């Protein structure tokens, strides 16, 4: 895993040290009428772009699969330009 000089407990690393970065936001809510009751909107961005909605999950496994795919894409450099 890549390391940088920023302390994890002190916030984000200085932007000068970042070659590339992405953002993943999970917006979670419950819907009592739905079968699972769970809804997760997955928003992502690359660099300074505003996050855009990229997926909607209705259970924990689908959410974890989307997060895993996003993280693997970050590692492989498979991110939108």
PDB file of N, CA and C in Angstrom:
ATOM      1  N   UNK A   1       0.838  -1.170   0.000  1.00  0.00           N
ATOM      2  CA  UNK A   1       0.000   0.000   0.000  1.00  0.00           C
ATOM      3  C   UNK A   1       0.887   1.238   0.000  1.00  0.00           C
ATOM      4  N   UNK A   2       0.517   2.219  -0.796  1.00  0.00           N
ATOM      5  CA  UNK A   2       1.284   3.456  -0.870  1.00  0.00           C
ATOM      6  C   UNK A   2       1.158   4.226   0.433  1.00  0.00           C
ATOM      7  N   UNK A   3       2.242   4.860   0.816  1.00  0.00           N
ATOM      8  CA  UNK A   3       2.227   5.665   2.030  1.00  0.00           C
ATOM      9  C   UNK A   3       2.546   7.108   1.686  1.00  0.00           C
ATOM     10  N   UNK A   4       2.053   8.017   2.494  1.00  0.00           N
ATOM     11  CA  UNK A   4       2.360   9.426   2.327  1.00  0.00           C
ATOM     12  C   UNK A   4       2.625  10.007   3.707  1.00  0.00           C
ATOM     13  N   UNK A   5       3.067  11.246   3.747  1.00  0.00           N
ATOM     14  CA  UNK A   5       3.509  11.829   5.005  1.00  0.00           C
ATOM     15  C   UNK A   5       2.380  12.268   5.924  1.00  0.00           C
ATOM     16  N   UNK A   6       1.154  12.309   5.448  1.00  0.00           N
ATOM     17  CA  UNK A   6       0.052  12.746   6.298  1.00  0.00           C
ATOM     18  C   UNK A   6      -0.338  11.645   7.280  1.00  0.00           C
ATOM     19  N   UNK A   7      -0.654  12.034   8.488  1.00  0.00           N
ATOM     20  CA  UNK A   7      -1.123  11.113   9.510  1.00  0.00           C
ATOM     21  C   UNK A   7      -2.597  10.844   9.247  1.00  0.00           C
ATOM     22  N   UNK A   8      -3.001   9.569   9.250  1.00  0.00           N
ATOM     23  CA  UNK A   8      -4.386   9.201   8.957  1.00  0.00           C
ATOM     24  C   UNK A   8      -5.345   9.927   9.893  1.00  0.00           C
ATOM     25  N   UNK A   9      -4.967  10.116  11.127  1.00  0.00           N
ATOM     26  CA  UNK A   9      -5.847  10.757  12.094  1.00  0.00           C
ATOM     27  C   UNK A   9      -5.878  12.275  11.962  1.00  0.00           C
ATOM     28  N   UNK A  10      -5.079  12.835  11.094  1.00  0.00           N
ATOM     29  CA  UNK A  10      -5.028  14.283  10.931  1.00  0.00           C
ATOM     30  C   UNK A  10      -5.725  14.755   9.661  1.00  0.00           C
ATOM     31  N   UNK A  11      -6.371  13.899   8.929  1.00  0.00           N
ATOM     32  CA  UNK A  11      -7.099  14.330   7.742  1.00  0.00           C
ATOM     33  C   UNK A  11      -6.432  13.887   6.464  1.00  0.00           C
ATOM     34  N   UNK A  12      -6.729  14.597   5.403  1.00  0.00           N
ATOM     35  CA  UNK A  12      -6.238  14.261   4.074  1.00  0.00           C
ATOM     36  C   UNK A  12      -4.783  14.666   3.892  1.00  0.00           C
ATOM     37  N   UNK A  13      -4.068  13.946   3.011  1.00  0.00           N
ATOM     38  CA  UNK A  13      -2.689  14.341   2.711  1.00  0.00           C
ATOM     39  C   UNK A  13      -2.678  15.640   1.913  1.00  0.00           C
ATOM     40  N   UNK A  14      -1.572  16.383   1.948  1.00  0.00           N
ATOM     41  CA  UNK A  14      -1.490  17.599   1.120  1.00  0.00           C
ATOM     42  C   UNK A  14      -1.692  17.248  -0.348  1.00  0.00           C
ATOM     43  N   UNK A  15      -2.445  18.070  -1.060  1.00  0.00           N
ATOM     44  CA  UNK A  15      -2.753  17.770  -2.462  1.00  0.00           C
ATOM     45  C   UNK A  15      -1.510  17.668  -3.322  1.00  0.00           C
ATOM     46  N   UNK A  16      -0.422  18.339  -2.941  1.00  0.00           N
ATOM     47  CA  UNK A  16       0.813  18.274  -3.717  1.00  0.00           C
ATOM     48  C   UNK A  16       1.358  16.845  -3.748  1.00  0.00           C
ATOM     49  N   UNK A  17       1.023  16.025  -2.749  1.00  0.00           N
ATOM     50  CA  UNK A  17       1.515  14.649  -2.688  1.00  0.00           C
ATOM     51  C   UNK A  17       0.624  13.676  -3.446  1.00  0.00           C
ATOM     52  N   UNK A  18      -0.559  14.094  -3.850  1.00  0.00           N
ATOM     53  CA  UNK A  18      -1.506  13.202  -4.503  1.00  0.00           C
ATOM     54  C   UNK A  18      -1.268  13.186  -6.007  1.00  0.00           C
ATOM     55  N   UNK A  19      -1.004  12.008  -6.541  1.00  0.00           N
ATOM     56  CA  UNK A  19      -0.887  11.885  -7.988  1.00  0.00           C
ATOM     57  C   UNK A  19      -2.267  11.768  -8.598  1.00  0.00           C
ATOM     58  N   UNK A  20      -3.083  10.945  -8.004  1.00  0.00           N
ATOM     59  CA  UNK A  20      -4.468  10.766  -8.432  1.00  0.00           C
ATOM     60  C   UNK A  20      -5.288  10.460  -7.195  1.00  0.00           C
ATOM     61  N   UNK A  21      -6.532  10.872  -7.211  1.00  0.00           N
ATOM     62  CA  UNK A  21      -7.394  10.514  -6.104  1.00  0.00           C
ATOM     63  C   UNK A  21      -8.827  10.409  -6.584  1.00  0.00           C
ATOM     64  N   UNK A  22      -9.597   9.648  -5.852  1.00  0.00           N
ATOM     65  CA  UNK A  22     -10.995   9.469  -6.168  1.00  0.00           C
ATOM     66  C   UNK A  22     -11.821   9.588  -4.905  1.00  0.00           C
ATOM     67  N   UNK A  23     -13.111   9.753  -5.106  1.00  0.00           N
ATOM     68  CA  UNK A  23     -14.033   9.864  -3.983  1.00  0.00           C
ATOM     69  C   UNK A  23     -15.167   8.881  -4.196  1.00  0.00           C
ATOM     70  N   UNK A  24     -15.519   8.191  -3.136  1.00  0.00           N
ATOM     71  CA  UNK A  24     -16.648   7.262  -3.145  1.00  0.00           C
ATOM     72  C   UNK A  24     -17.562   7.668  -1.999  1.00  0.00           C
ATOM     73  N   UNK A  25     -18.829   7.922  -2.311  1.00  0.00           N
ATOM     74  CA  UNK A  25     -19.807   8.318  -1.306  1.00  0.00           C
ATOM     75  C   UNK A  25     -20.945   7.306  -1.334  1.00  0.00           C
ATOM     76  N   UNK A  26     -21.310   6.821  -0.162  1.00  0.00           N
ATOM     77  CA  UNK A  26     -22.463   5.935  -0.039  1.00  0.00           C
ATOM     78  C   UNK A  26     -23.562   6.705   0.683  1.00  0.00           C
ATOM     79  N   UNK A  27     -24.689   6.869   0.031  1.00  0.00           N
ATOM     80  CA  UNK A  27     -25.851   7.513   0.649  1.00  0.00           C
ATOM     81  C   UNK A  27     -26.844   6.411   0.949  1.00  0.00           C
ATOM     82  N   UNK A  28     -27.113   6.188   2.212  1.00  0.00           N
ATOM     83  CA  UNK A  28     -27.914   5.032   2.636  1.00  0.00           C
ATOM     84  C   UNK A  28     -29.206   5.493   3.300  1.00  0.00           C
ATOM     85  N   UNK A  29     -30.304   4.821   2.947  1.00  0.00           N
ATOM     86  CA  UNK A  29     -31.573   5.062   3.618  1.00  0.00           C
ATOM     87  C   UNK A  29     -32.377   3.775   3.646  1.00  0.00           C
ATOM     88  N   UNK A  30     -33.393   3.761   4.476  1.00  0.00           N
ATOM     89  CA  UNK A  30     -34.260   2.577   4.597  1.00  0.00           C
ATOM     90  C   UNK A  30     -35.637   2.913   4.065  1.00  0.00           C
ATOM     91  N   UNK A  31     -36.212   1.946   3.367  1.00  0.00           N
ATOM     92  CA  UNK A  31     -37.572   2.066   2.855  1.00  0.00           C
ATOM     93  C   UNK A  31     -38.378   0.915   3.437  1.00  0.00           C
ATOM     94  N   UNK A  32     -39.280   1.197   4.347  1.00  0.00           N
ATOM     95  CA  UNK A  32     -40.002   0.128   5.034  1.00  0.00           C
ATOM     96  C   UNK A  32     -40.855  -0.746   4.115  1.00  0.00           C
ATOM     97  N   UNK A  33     -41.277  -0.227   2.964  1.00  0.00           N
ATOM     98  CA  UNK A  33     -42.133  -1.003   2.066  1.00  0.00           C
ATOM     99  C   UNK A  33     -41.339  -1.919   1.135  1.00  0.00           C
ATOM    100  N   UNK A  34     -40.032  -1.726   1.040  1.00  0.00           N
ATOM    101  CA  UNK A  34     -39.201  -2.540   0.145  1.00  0.00           C
ATOM    102  C   UNK A  34     -38.894  -3.888   0.798  1.00  0.00           C
ATOM    103  N   UNK A  35     -38.620  -4.899  -0.032  1.00  0.00           N
ATOM    104  CA  UNK A  35     -38.355  -6.250   0.466  1.00  0.00           C
ATOM    105  C   UNK A  35     -37.198  -6.262   1.464  1.00  0.00           C
ATOM    106  N   UNK A  36     -36.066  -5.701   1.090  1.00  0.00           N
ATOM    107  CA  UNK A  36     -34.908  -5.656   1.981  1.00  0.00           C
ATOM    108  C   UNK A  36     -34.938  -4.411   2.876  1.00  0.00           C
ATOM    109  N   UNK A  37     -35.625  -3.393   2.420  1.00  0.00           N
ATOM    110  CA  UNK A  37     -35.706  -2.158   3.180  1.00  0.00           C
ATOM    111  C   UNK A  37     -34.501  -1.246   3.033  1.00  0.00           C
ATOM    112  N   UNK A  38     -33.483  -1.693   2.321  1.00  0.00           N
ATOM    113  CA  UNK A  38     -32.247  -0.935   2.216  1.00  0.00           C
ATOM    114  C   UNK A  38     -32.084  -0.364   0.809  1.00  0.00           C
ATOM    115  N   UNK A  39     -31.653   0.891   0.754  1.00  0.00           N
ATOM    116  CA  UNK A  39     -31.300   1.521  -0.517  1.00  0.00           C
ATOM    117  C   UNK A  39     -29.960   2.211  -0.318  1.00  0.00           C
ATOM    118  N   UNK A  40     -29.063   2.034  -1.271  1.00  0.00           N
ATOM    119  CA  UNK A  40     -27.754   2.668  -1.214  1.00  0.00           C
ATOM    120  C   UNK A  40     -27.473   3.298  -2.572  1.00  0.00           C
ATOM    121  N   UNK A  41     -27.346   4.607  -2.589  1.00  0.00           N
ATOM    122  CA  UNK A  41     -26.948   5.311  -3.808  1.00  0.00           C
ATOM    123  C   UNK A  41     -25.441   5.456  -3.733  1.00  0.00           C
ATOM    124  N   UNK A  42     -24.746   5.038  -4.786  1.00  0.00           N
ATOM    125  CA  UNK A  42     -23.293   5.068  -4.823  1.00  0.00           C
ATOM    126  C   UNK A  42     -22.870   6.180  -5.776  1.00  0.00           C
ATOM    127  N   UNK A  43     -22.130   7.134  -5.228  1.00  0.00           N
ATOM    128  CA  UNK A  43     -21.644   8.270  -6.001  1.00  0.00           C
ATOM    129  C   UNK A  43     -20.127   8.215  -6.035  1.00  0.00           C
ATOM    130  N   UNK A  44     -19.552   8.496  -7.194  1.00  0.00           N
ATOM    131  CA  UNK A  44     -18.101   8.470  -7.330  1.00  0.00           C
ATOM    132  C   UNK A  44     -17.613   9.686  -8.097  1.00  0.00           C
ATOM    133  N   UNK A  45     -16.353   9.994  -7.887  1.00  0.00           N
ATOM    134  CA  UNK A  45     -15.709  11.039  -8.671  1.00  0.00           C
ATOM    135  C   UNK A  45     -14.227  10.728  -8.769  1.00  0.00           C
ATOM    136  N   UNK A  46     -13.586  11.393  -9.708  1.00  0.00           N
ATOM    137  CA  UNK A  46     -12.143  11.254  -9.899  1.00  0.00           C
ATOM    138  C   UNK A  46     -11.547  12.651  -9.905  1.00  0.00           C
ATOM    139  N   UNK A  47     -10.491  12.834  -9.141  1.00  0.00           N
ATOM    140  CA  UNK A  47      -9.874  14.150  -9.069  1.00  0.00           C
ATOM    141  C   UNK A  47     -10.812  15.169  -8.469  1.00  0.00           C
ATOM    142  N   UNK A  48     -10.892  16.315  -9.090  1.00  0.00           N
ATOM    143  CA  UNK A  48     -11.711  17.404  -8.562  1.00  0.00           C
ATOM    144  C   UNK A  48     -13.141  17.412  -9.103  1.00  0.00           C
ATOM    145  N   UNK A  49     -13.522  16.394  -9.840  1.00  0.00           N
ATOM    146  CA  UNK A  49     -14.875  16.336 -10.385  1.00  0.00           C
ATOM    147  C   UNK A  49     -15.897  16.223  -9.263  1.00  0.00           C
ATOM    148  N   UNK A  50     -17.084  16.725  -9.515  1.00  0.00           N
ATOM    149  CA  UNK A  50     -18.192  16.541  -8.579  1.00  0.00           C
ATOM    150  C   UNK A  50     -18.638  15.080  -8.642  1.00  0.00           C
ATOM    151  N   UNK A  51     -18.984  14.485  -7.505  1.00  0.00           N
ATOM    152  CA  UNK A  51     -19.469  13.100  -7.529  1.00  0.00           C
ATOM    153  C   UNK A  51     -20.744  12.974  -8.362  1.00  0.00           C
ATOM    154  N   UNK A  52     -20.841  11.881  -9.102  1.00  0.00           N
ATOM    155  CA  UNK A  52     -22.047  11.587  -9.851  1.00  0.00           C
ATOM    156  C   UNK A  52     -22.557  10.216  -9.427  1.00  0.00           C
ATOM    157  N   UNK A  53     -23.854  10.037  -9.536  1.00  0.00           N
ATOM    158  CA  UNK A  53     -24.462   8.770  -9.149  1.00  0.00           C
ATOM    159  C   UNK A  53     -24.066   7.697 -10.154  1.00  0.00           C
ATOM    160  N   UNK A  54     -23.487   6.607  -9.670  1.00  0.00           N
ATOM    161  CA  UNK A  54     -23.031   5.559 -10.571  1.00  0.00           C
ATOM    162  C   UNK A  54     -23.756   4.243 -10.374  1.00  0.00           C
ATOM    163  N   UNK A  55     -24.450   4.081  -9.231  1.00  0.00           N
ATOM    164  CA  UNK A  55     -25.150   2.814  -8.993  1.00  0.00           C
ATOM    165  C   UNK A  55     -26.168   2.983  -7.872  1.00  0.00           C
ATOM    166  N   UNK A  56     -27.111   2.056  -7.822  1.00  0.00           N
ATOM    167  CA  UNK A  56     -28.078   1.968  -6.733  1.00  0.00           C
ATOM    168  C   UNK A  56     -28.110   0.513  -6.301  1.00  0.00           C
ATOM    169  N   UNK A  57     -27.891   0.275  -5.023  1.00  0.00           N
ATOM    170  CA  UNK A  57     -27.904  -1.091  -4.497  1.00  0.00           C
ATOM    171  C   UNK A  57     -29.080  -1.239  -3.536  1.00  0.00           C
ATOM    172  N   UNK A  58     -29.558  -2.470  -3.419  1.00  0.00           N
ATOM    173  CA  UNK A  58     -30.691  -2.723  -2.532  1.00  0.00           C
ATOM    174  C   UNK A  58     -30.369  -3.730  -1.440  1.00  0.00           C
ATOM    175  N   UNK A  59     -29.112  -4.149  -1.361  1.00  0.00           N
ATOM    176  CA  UNK A  59     -28.708  -5.030  -0.271  1.00  0.00           C
ATOM    177  C   UNK A  59     -27.221  -4.861   0.015  1.00  0.00           C
ATOM    178  N   UNK A  60     -26.802  -5.425   1.125  1.00  0.00           N
ATOM    179  CA  UNK A  60     -25.416  -5.264   1.574  1.00  0.00           C
ATOM    180  C   UNK A  60     -24.445  -5.884   0.573  1.00  0.00           C
ATOM    181  N   UNK A  61     -24.729  -7.067   0.077  1.00  0.00           N
ATOM    182  CA  UNK A  61     -23.804  -7.739  -0.846  1.00  0.00           C
ATOM    183  C   UNK A  61     -23.593  -6.947  -2.129  1.00  0.00           C
ATOM    184  N   UNK A  62     -24.648  -6.389  -2.686  1.00  0.00           N
ATOM    185  CA  UNK A  62     -24.508  -5.583  -3.902  1.00  0.00           C
ATOM    186  C   UNK A  62     -23.700  -4.315  -3.622  1.00  0.00           C
ATOM    187  N   UNK A  63     -23.899  -3.739  -2.446  1.00  0.00           N
ATOM    188  CA  UNK A  63     -23.135  -2.552  -2.064  1.00  0.00           C
ATOM    189  C   UNK A  63     -21.660  -2.889  -1.948  1.00  0.00           C
ATOM    190  N   UNK A  64     -21.347  -3.983  -1.247  1.00  0.00           N
ATOM    191  CA  UNK A  64     -19.950  -4.392  -1.089  1.00  0.00           C
ATOM    192  C   UNK A  64     -19.303  -4.711  -2.431  1.00  0.00           C
ATOM    193  N   UNK A  65     -20.045  -5.317  -3.337  1.00  0.00           N
ATOM    194  CA  UNK A  65     -19.510  -5.636  -4.665  1.00  0.00           C
ATOM    195  C   UNK A  65     -19.179  -4.347  -5.426  1.00  0.00           C
ATOM    196  N   UNK A  66     -20.042  -3.345  -5.320  1.00  0.00           N
ATOM    197  CA  UNK A  66     -19.794  -2.074  -6.004  1.00  0.00           C
ATOM    198  C   UNK A  66     -18.589  -1.353  -5.401  1.00  0.00           C
ATOM    199  N   UNK A  67     -18.474  -1.386  -4.084  1.00  0.00           N
ATOM    200  CA  UNK A  67     -17.329  -0.749  -3.425  1.00  0.00           C
ATOM    201  C   UNK A  67     -16.038  -1.467  -3.806  1.00  0.00           C
ATOM    202  N   UNK A  68     -16.068  -2.790  -3.801  1.00  0.00           N
ATOM    203  CA  UNK A  68     -14.882  -3.567  -4.186  1.00  0.00           C
ATOM    204  C   UNK A  68     -14.472  -3.254  -5.622  1.00  0.00           C
ATOM    205  N   UNK A  69     -15.426  -3.208  -6.537  1.00  0.00           N
ATOM    206  CA  UNK A  69     -15.119  -2.917  -7.938  1.00  0.00           C
ATOM    207  C   UNK A  69     -14.507  -1.527  -8.068  1.00  0.00           C
ATOM    208  N   UNK A  70     -15.031  -0.551  -7.327  1.00  0.00           N
ATOM    209  CA  UNK A  70     -14.491   0.798  -7.384  1.00  0.00           C
ATOM    210  C   UNK A  70     -13.060   0.836  -6.856  1.00  0.00           C
ATOM    211  N   UNK A  71     -12.812   0.188  -5.715  1.00  0.00           N
ATOM    212  CA  UNK A  71     -11.470   0.165  -5.135  1.00  0.00           C
ATOM    213  C   UNK A  71     -10.472  -0.523  -6.062  1.00  0.00           C
ATOM    214  N   UNK A  72     -10.879  -1.637  -6.648  1.00  0.00           N
ATOM    215  CA  UNK A  72      -9.997  -2.334  -7.579  1.00  0.00           C
ATOM    216  C   UNK A  72      -9.701  -1.478  -8.791  1.00  0.00           C
ATOM    217  N   UNK A  73     -10.697  -0.747  -9.274  1.00  0.00           N
ATOM    218  CA  UNK A  73     -10.489   0.181 -10.387  1.00  0.00           C
ATOM    219  C   UNK A  73      -9.489   1.271 -10.027  1.00  0.00           C
ATOM    220  N   UNK A  74      -9.539   1.747  -8.790  1.00  0.00           N
ATOM    221  CA  UNK A  74      -8.570   2.748  -8.336  1.00  0.00           C
ATOM    222  C   UNK A  74      -7.165   2.178  -8.353  1.00  0.00           C
ATOM    223  N   UNK A  75      -7.000   0.955  -7.891  1.00  0.00           N
ATOM    224  CA  UNK A  75      -5.687   0.329  -7.852  1.00  0.00           C
ATOM    225  C   UNK A  75      -5.128   0.077  -9.253  1.00  0.00           C
ATOM    226  N   UNK A  76      -6.014  -0.277 -10.177  1.00  0.00           N
ATOM    227  CA  UNK A  76      -5.597  -0.609 -11.527  1.00  0.00           C
ATOM    228  C   UNK A  76      -5.509   0.628 -12.424  1.00  0.00           C
ATOM    229  N   UNK A  77      -5.909   1.775 -11.907  1.00  0.00           N
ATOM    230  CA  UNK A  77      -5.901   2.988 -12.720  1.00  0.00           C
ATOM    231  C   UNK A  77      -7.044   3.049 -13.693  1.00  0.00           C
ATOM    232  N   UNK A  78      -8.058   2.219 -13.502  1.00  0.00           N
ATOM    233  CA  UNK A  78      -9.225   2.165 -14.379  1.00  0.00           C
ATOM    234  C   UNK A  78     -10.260   3.159 -13.881  1.00  0.00           C
ATOM    235  N   UNK A  79      -9.970   4.438 -14.051  1.00  0.00           N
ATOM    236  CA  UNK A  79     -10.851   5.488 -13.595  1.00  0.00           C
ATOM    237  C   UNK A  79     -11.149   6.427 -14.764  1.00  0.00           C
ATOM    238  N   UNK A  80     -12.315   7.073 -14.733  1.00  0.00           N
ATOM    239  CA  UNK A  80     -12.645   7.985 -15.834  1.00  0.00           C
ATOM    240  C   UNK A  80     -11.704   9.171 -15.885  1.00  0.00           C
ATOM    241  N   UNK A  81     -11.474   9.680 -17.075  1.00  0.00           N
ATOM    242  CA  UNK A  81     -10.589  10.851 -17.205  1.00  0.00           C
ATOM    243  C   UNK A  81     -11.367  12.135 -17.127  1.00  0.00           C
TER     244      UNK A  81
END
